[in-house]
């Protein structure tokens, strides 16, 4: 059993990856600055599921603090891998605060890579994004597609982090897996994502905002499948970029219809102009993940959406108060 450092341990994906590692008998050092970019009740709810686990150590700290990371490296010799799931996410917000995105997504990644180099941690996983592919791609999109034209500062910051990872692999022989996540969903997801918003709006009889004509498509994958693939990516690969997720595509209009059926209410839909930072489609070619990691998703969209709705209803007393605009 090994020791793993998971950054973004209170995040949507990071919390589930931490749980999977703990359930497998590993020790996890969780780092998260609890950035209030969205309602902290979500992050605290995720953390409570394993905060008191005997093999979990939590630090409320920022990966941009290099001195802190050096202290962690000295206190915990023998860390087997760093799983960097800390990030400022969201394409629209990155247009408002590009500086914050570059600080966390690039400088934070640099600090963790330096930690690998200084403390002889040979394995590094970077959570990247399908947004790096931009708009002019084929579907389903393979890893070989061009990434030179990111549409938002968020995507650009992740592309920069990817290239930095390759430099550290080349210079210091670090074993690095870059995971390009497509649209991930599940209970306690980020409130800016469609799954949370549509659930809340329809369940609570509020206006359902749809940007654009609703015919834009997204490829969705359930959280547990993504966490499983992330843990599988800890295997030695040299340097590889691997798509994870986005296997089940659906239009926004059709997604709303599915929620209407699951919840049992009609959506009060209102259409707004499309946001320039939004992509028109995403759909992953995951054949490389299957070949290299043995990864295949287990949850279909109907199963996953049902779990999202059940979670929201169970936690409604506070989840309904979370701002989703």
Protein backbone atom coordinates (compact mmCIF):
# COMPACT_ATOMS: atom_id res chain seq x y z
CA UNK A 1 0.00 0.00 0.00
CA UNK A 2 1.26 3.48 -0.80
CA UNK A 3 1.06 7.12 0.24
CA UNK A 4 -0.63 9.43 -2.27
CA UNK A 5 -0.94 13.20 -2.27
CA UNK A 6 -4.25 14.33 -3.75
CA UNK A 7 -4.62 18.05 -4.40
CA UNK A 8 -8.17 19.34 -4.65
CA UNK A 9 -9.23 16.71 -2.13
CA UNK A 10 -12.48 18.54 -1.35
CA UNK A 11 -13.28 18.98 -5.02
CA UNK A 12 -15.87 17.05 -6.99
CA UNK A 13 -13.46 14.55 -8.55
CA UNK A 14 -10.68 14.80 -5.97
CA UNK A 15 -12.93 13.78 -3.10
CA UNK A 16 -14.08 10.63 -4.88
CA UNK A 17 -10.56 9.68 -5.97
CA UNK A 18 -9.43 10.09 -2.36
CA UNK A 19 -12.21 7.78 -1.21
CA UNK A 20 -11.30 5.16 -3.79
CA UNK A 21 -7.65 5.21 -2.70
CA UNK A 22 -8.58 4.96 0.98
CA UNK A 23 -10.96 2.09 0.30
CA UNK A 24 -8.09 0.28 -1.44
CA UNK A 25 -5.99 0.49 1.71
CA UNK A 26 -3.77 3.42 0.79
CA UNK A 27 -2.85 6.49 2.83
CA UNK A 28 -3.97 9.82 1.39
CA UNK A 29 -2.59 13.29 2.09
CA UNK A 30 -5.36 15.62 0.98
CA UNK A 31 -4.67 19.25 0.13
CA UNK A 32 -7.38 21.80 -0.62
CA UNK A 33 -7.55 25.54 -0.01
CA UNK A 34 -11.38 25.42 0.15
CA UNK A 35 -11.61 28.20 -2.41
CA UNK A 36 -15.04 29.86 -2.01
CA UNK A 37 -15.51 30.09 -5.77
CA UNK A 38 -18.74 28.22 -5.10
CA UNK A 39 -20.69 27.33 -1.97
CA UNK A 40 -18.37 25.73 0.57
CA UNK A 41 -21.16 23.54 1.91
CA UNK A 42 -20.61 21.30 -1.10
CA UNK A 43 -16.90 20.89 -0.37
CA UNK A 44 -17.54 20.28 3.32
CA UNK A 45 -20.20 17.68 2.49
CA UNK A 46 -17.73 15.83 0.27
CA UNK A 47 -14.99 15.97 2.89
CA UNK A 48 -17.15 14.66 5.71
CA UNK A 49 -17.43 11.30 3.93
CA UNK A 50 -13.82 10.47 4.77
CA UNK A 51 -12.33 13.30 6.83
CA UNK A 52 -12.09 11.09 9.93
CA UNK A 53 -10.61 8.10 8.11
CA UNK A 54 -7.52 6.91 9.98
CA UNK A 55 -5.44 6.88 6.79
CA UNK A 56 -6.43 10.39 5.66
CA UNK A 57 -4.52 13.55 6.52
CA UNK A 58 -6.08 16.83 5.43
CA UNK A 59 -4.36 20.18 4.95
CA UNK A 60 -6.32 23.35 4.25
CA UNK A 61 -3.66 24.91 2.09
CA UNK A 62 -2.96 26.19 -1.41
CA UNK A 63 -0.76 24.41 -3.95
CA UNK A 64 0.54 27.85 -4.90
CA UNK A 65 2.34 27.86 -1.52
CA UNK A 66 5.60 26.18 -2.40
CA UNK A 67 6.98 26.36 1.15
CA UNK A 68 4.00 24.36 2.40
CA UNK A 69 4.53 21.69 -0.26
CA UNK A 70 8.20 21.42 0.69
CA UNK A 71 7.16 20.91 4.31
CA UNK A 72 4.79 18.13 3.28
CA UNK A 73 7.55 16.48 1.28
CA UNK A 74 9.88 16.53 4.28
CA UNK A 75 7.25 15.25 6.72
CA UNK A 76 6.06 12.43 4.48
CA UNK A 77 8.98 10.72 2.75
CA UNK A 78 8.02 7.96 0.37
CA UNK A 79 5.02 9.57 -1.33
CA UNK A 80 4.26 7.24 -4.22
CA UNK A 81 2.44 9.69 -6.51
CA UNK A 82 0.84 13.12 -6.73
CA UNK A 83 -2.65 13.32 -8.21
CA UNK A 84 -3.18 16.98 -9.13
CA UNK A 85 -6.93 17.53 -9.11
CA UNK A 86 -6.73 21.07 -7.72
CA UNK A 87 -7.89 23.61 -10.27
CA UNK A 88 -9.99 26.61 -10.93
CA UNK A 89 -12.56 25.16 -13.32
CA UNK A 90 -15.27 26.58 -15.54
CA UNK A 91 -14.94 28.16 -18.94
CA UNK A 92 -17.14 31.20 -18.29
CA UNK A 93 -15.59 32.29 -15.00
CA UNK A 94 -12.12 32.10 -16.54
CA UNK A 95 -13.08 34.95 -18.84
CA UNK A 96 -13.78 37.07 -15.76
CA UNK A 97 -10.68 36.10 -13.75
CA UNK A 98 -7.95 34.73 -16.06
CA UNK A 99 -5.23 35.64 -13.54
CA UNK A 100 -6.66 33.39 -10.85
CA UNK A 101 -6.93 30.52 -13.32
CA UNK A 102 -3.31 30.80 -14.38
CA UNK A 103 -2.12 31.09 -10.78
CA UNK A 104 -3.77 27.86 -9.68
CA UNK A 105 -3.74 25.82 -12.86
CA UNK A 106 -0.21 26.64 -14.00
CA UNK A 107 1.83 27.92 -11.05
CA UNK A 108 0.21 25.34 -8.77
CA UNK A 109 1.09 22.57 -11.21
CA UNK A 110 4.66 23.87 -11.45
CA UNK A 111 5.00 23.75 -7.66
CA UNK A 112 3.78 20.16 -7.53
CA UNK A 113 6.12 19.13 -10.34
CA UNK A 114 8.99 20.72 -8.43
CA UNK A 115 7.88 18.77 -5.39
CA UNK A 116 8.14 15.57 -7.45
CA UNK A 117 11.64 16.51 -8.53
CA UNK A 118 12.86 17.58 -5.09
CA UNK A 119 11.45 14.61 -3.17
CA UNK A 120 11.93 11.85 -5.75
CA UNK A 121 8.21 11.30 -6.36
CA UNK A 122 8.22 9.63 -9.75
CA UNK A 123 4.48 9.52 -10.64
CA UNK A 124 2.33 12.54 -11.42
CA UNK A 125 -1.23 12.77 -12.70
CA UNK A 126 -2.54 16.04 -14.13
CA UNK A 127 -6.27 16.62 -14.45
CA UNK A 128 -6.72 18.44 -17.75
CA UNK A 129 -9.84 19.12 -19.79
CA UNK A 130 -11.56 18.41 -23.08
CA UNK A 131 -11.79 22.19 -23.49
CA UNK A 132 -8.22 22.21 -24.80
CA UNK A 133 -9.51 20.76 -28.08
CA UNK A 134 -11.39 23.95 -28.95
CA UNK A 135 -14.12 23.98 -31.55
CA UNK A 136 -12.71 22.62 -34.81
CA UNK A 137 -12.39 18.90 -34.04
CA UNK A 138 -13.75 15.59 -35.25
CA UNK A 139 -16.16 13.50 -33.16
CA UNK A 140 -15.55 11.38 -31.23
CA UNK A 141 -12.39 13.34 -30.48
CA UNK A 142 -9.09 11.43 -30.17
CA UNK A 143 -6.07 12.60 -28.18
CA UNK A 144 -4.24 13.33 -31.45
CA UNK A 145 -6.60 16.20 -32.27
CA UNK A 146 -5.14 19.69 -32.37
CA UNK A 147 -5.08 21.80 -29.20
CA UNK A 148 -3.50 25.01 -30.49
CA UNK A 149 -6.68 27.08 -30.42
CA UNK A 150 -8.24 26.99 -26.93
CA UNK A 151 -11.33 29.19 -26.69
CA UNK A 152 -11.03 30.33 -23.07
CA UNK A 153 -8.33 31.18 -20.49
CA UNK A 154 -9.34 28.03 -18.60
CA UNK A 155 -8.48 25.81 -21.54
CA UNK A 156 -5.33 27.81 -22.27
CA UNK A 157 -4.14 27.41 -18.67
CA UNK A 158 -4.66 23.65 -18.82
CA UNK A 159 -2.87 23.40 -22.16
CA UNK A 160 0.06 25.28 -20.64
CA UNK A 161 0.09 22.89 -17.67
CA UNK A 162 0.16 19.92 -20.04
CA UNK A 163 3.20 21.25 -21.88
CA UNK A 164 4.94 21.96 -18.58
CA UNK A 165 4.35 18.35 -17.56
CA UNK A 166 6.04 17.15 -20.73
CA UNK A 167 9.06 19.36 -19.99
CA UNK A 168 9.44 17.75 -16.56
CA UNK A 169 9.04 14.30 -18.04
CA UNK A 170 11.74 15.07 -20.60
CA UNK A 171 14.17 16.74 -18.21
CA UNK A 172 13.70 14.62 -15.08
CA UNK A 173 12.13 11.37 -16.36
CA UNK A 174 8.97 11.86 -14.33
CA UNK A 175 6.23 9.37 -15.19
CA UNK A 176 3.23 11.53 -16.08
CA UNK A 177 -0.34 10.81 -17.11
CA UNK A 178 -2.39 13.75 -18.37
CA UNK A 179 -6.10 12.99 -18.14
CA UNK A 180 -8.35 15.09 -20.32
CA UNK A 181 -11.68 14.91 -18.52
CA UNK A 182 -14.82 15.48 -20.52
CA UNK A 183 -18.10 16.41 -18.79
CA UNK A 184 -18.24 14.69 -15.40
CA UNK A 185 -21.42 14.58 -13.33
CA UNK A 186 -22.74 13.04 -10.15
CA UNK A 187 -24.03 13.84 -6.65
CA UNK A 188 -22.61 17.01 -5.05
CA UNK A 189 -21.31 18.24 -8.39
CA UNK A 190 -20.19 21.78 -9.11
CA UNK A 191 -23.25 24.06 -8.99
CA UNK A 192 -22.30 25.81 -12.21
CA UNK A 193 -22.70 22.59 -14.18
CA UNK A 194 -25.91 21.70 -15.98
CA UNK A 195 -26.71 18.58 -13.94
CA UNK A 196 -26.94 20.52 -10.67
CA UNK A 197 -28.70 23.51 -12.21
CA UNK A 198 -31.34 21.57 -14.09
CA UNK A 199 -32.06 19.35 -11.08
CA UNK A 200 -32.54 22.34 -8.80
CA UNK A 201 -34.55 24.42 -11.24
CA UNK A 202 -36.97 21.66 -12.20
CA UNK A 203 -37.34 20.13 -8.73
CA UNK A 204 -37.95 23.54 -7.17
CA UNK A 205 -40.22 24.89 -9.94
CA UNK A 206 -37.81 27.61 -11.03
CA UNK A 207 -37.00 28.97 -14.46
CA UNK A 208 -34.71 26.66 -16.44
CA UNK A 209 -32.16 28.76 -18.29
CA UNK A 210 -30.88 27.36 -21.58
CA UNK A 211 -28.13 29.27 -23.37
CA UNK A 212 -28.27 29.01 -27.14
CA UNK A 213 -30.81 26.86 -28.93
CA UNK A 214 -30.24 23.85 -26.66
CA UNK A 215 -29.03 21.67 -29.50
CA UNK A 216 -25.42 21.83 -28.35
CA UNK A 217 -24.27 18.42 -27.15
CA UNK A 218 -22.14 17.17 -24.27
CA UNK A 219 -20.59 13.80 -23.57
CA UNK A 220 -21.32 12.87 -19.94
CA UNK A 221 -19.64 10.33 -17.66
CA UNK A 222 -20.58 9.48 -14.08
CA UNK A 223 -18.24 10.47 -11.25
CA UNK A 224 -17.46 6.95 -10.03
CA UNK A 225 -16.34 5.89 -13.50
CA UNK A 226 -14.05 8.92 -13.71
CA UNK A 227 -12.56 8.24 -10.27
CA UNK A 228 -11.94 4.62 -11.22
CA UNK A 229 -10.16 5.68 -14.40
CA UNK A 230 -8.06 8.21 -12.51
CA UNK A 231 -6.84 5.59 -10.07
CA UNK A 232 -6.10 3.24 -12.97
CA UNK A 233 -3.96 6.00 -14.51
CA UNK A 234 -1.46 5.68 -11.65
CA UNK A 235 0.21 2.86 -13.59
CA UNK A 236 3.60 3.65 -15.24
CA UNK A 237 3.17 5.06 -18.74
CA UNK A 238 6.16 7.33 -19.38
CA UNK A 239 4.26 10.35 -20.64
CA UNK A 240 0.76 9.92 -22.00
CA UNK A 241 -2.31 12.06 -22.64
CA UNK A 242 -5.53 10.08 -22.21
CA UNK A 243 -9.17 11.10 -22.69
CA UNK A 244 -11.41 10.10 -19.82
CA UNK A 245 -15.18 10.44 -19.98
CA UNK A 246 -17.59 11.91 -22.45
CA UNK A 247 -18.76 8.56 -23.73
CA UNK A 248 -22.53 9.22 -23.67
CA UNK A 249 -23.59 12.28 -25.68
CA UNK A 250 -26.87 14.14 -25.46
CA UNK A 251 -28.22 17.55 -26.42
CA UNK A 252 -29.10 20.05 -23.69
CA UNK A 253 -32.75 19.99 -24.79
CA UNK A 254 -32.88 16.22 -24.51
CA UNK A 255 -31.12 16.34 -21.15
CA UNK A 256 -33.83 18.63 -19.79
CA UNK A 257 -36.48 16.22 -21.08
CA UNK A 258 -34.79 13.35 -19.23
CA UNK A 259 -34.82 15.36 -16.01
CA UNK A 260 -38.52 16.12 -16.50
CA UNK A 261 -39.21 12.38 -16.71
CA UNK A 262 -37.05 11.48 -13.69
CA UNK A 263 -38.31 14.32 -11.47
CA UNK A 264 -41.90 14.12 -12.69
CA UNK A 265 -42.32 17.83 -13.38
CA UNK A 266 -42.31 20.04 -16.46
CA UNK A 267 -39.41 22.43 -16.91
CA UNK A 268 -40.14 26.16 -17.14
CA UNK A 269 -37.68 26.67 -19.98
CA UNK A 270 -36.40 30.03 -21.12
CA UNK A 271 -33.79 30.44 -23.83
CA UNK A 272 -30.97 32.99 -23.66
CA UNK A 273 -28.21 33.97 -26.12
CA UNK A 274 -25.33 31.51 -26.33
CA UNK A 275 -22.23 32.36 -24.27
CA UNK A 276 -19.11 32.86 -26.46
CA UNK A 277 -17.00 30.72 -24.11
CA UNK A 278 -19.26 27.68 -24.51
CA UNK A 279 -18.35 24.90 -26.93
CA UNK A 280 -20.99 23.54 -29.27
CA UNK A 281 -20.16 19.87 -28.71
CA UNK A 282 -17.97 17.40 -26.84
CA UNK A 283 -17.62 13.67 -27.34
CA UNK A 284 -14.56 11.65 -26.36
CA UNK A 285 -12.81 8.88 -28.19
CA UNK A 286 -11.89 6.72 -25.18
CA UNK A 287 -10.30 3.81 -27.03
CA UNK A 288 -6.87 4.75 -25.66
CA UNK A 289 -8.18 4.66 -22.08
CA UNK A 290 -9.59 1.19 -22.71
CA UNK A 291 -6.37 -0.02 -24.30
CA UNK A 292 -3.89 1.48 -21.81
CA UNK A 293 -5.89 1.53 -18.57
CA UNK A 294 -8.46 -1.21 -19.13
CA UNK A 295 -11.08 1.47 -18.47
CA UNK A 296 -14.69 1.29 -19.52
CA UNK A 297 -17.56 3.22 -17.89
CA UNK A 298 -20.11 1.19 -15.96
CA UNK A 299 -22.89 3.72 -15.32
CA UNK A 300 -25.30 4.80 -18.02
CA UNK A 301 -26.83 8.27 -18.13
CA UNK A 302 -30.22 7.26 -16.74
CA UNK A 303 -28.63 5.57 -13.71
CA UNK A 304 -26.36 8.51 -13.02
CA UNK A 305 -29.06 11.16 -13.39
CA UNK A 306 -31.32 9.24 -11.03
CA UNK A 307 -28.55 9.30 -8.41
CA UNK A 308 -28.10 13.05 -8.87
CA UNK A 309 -31.80 13.68 -8.28
CA UNK A 310 -31.91 11.34 -5.28
CA UNK A 311 -28.92 13.11 -3.71
CA UNK A 312 -30.47 16.54 -4.26
CA UNK A 313 -33.72 15.48 -2.65
CA UNK A 314 -31.91 13.93 0.30
CA UNK A 315 -29.82 17.07 0.90
CA UNK A 316 -32.53 19.52 -0.17
CA UNK A 317 -32.56 21.50 3.09
CA UNK A 318 -29.21 23.04 2.21
CA UNK A 319 -28.52 22.01 -1.41
CA UNK A 320 -31.53 24.05 -2.56
CA UNK A 321 -29.87 27.16 -1.11
CA UNK A 322 -26.70 26.78 -3.20
CA UNK A 323 -26.34 29.54 -5.78
CA UNK A 324 -26.24 28.13 -9.32
CA UNK A 325 -26.29 31.29 -11.47
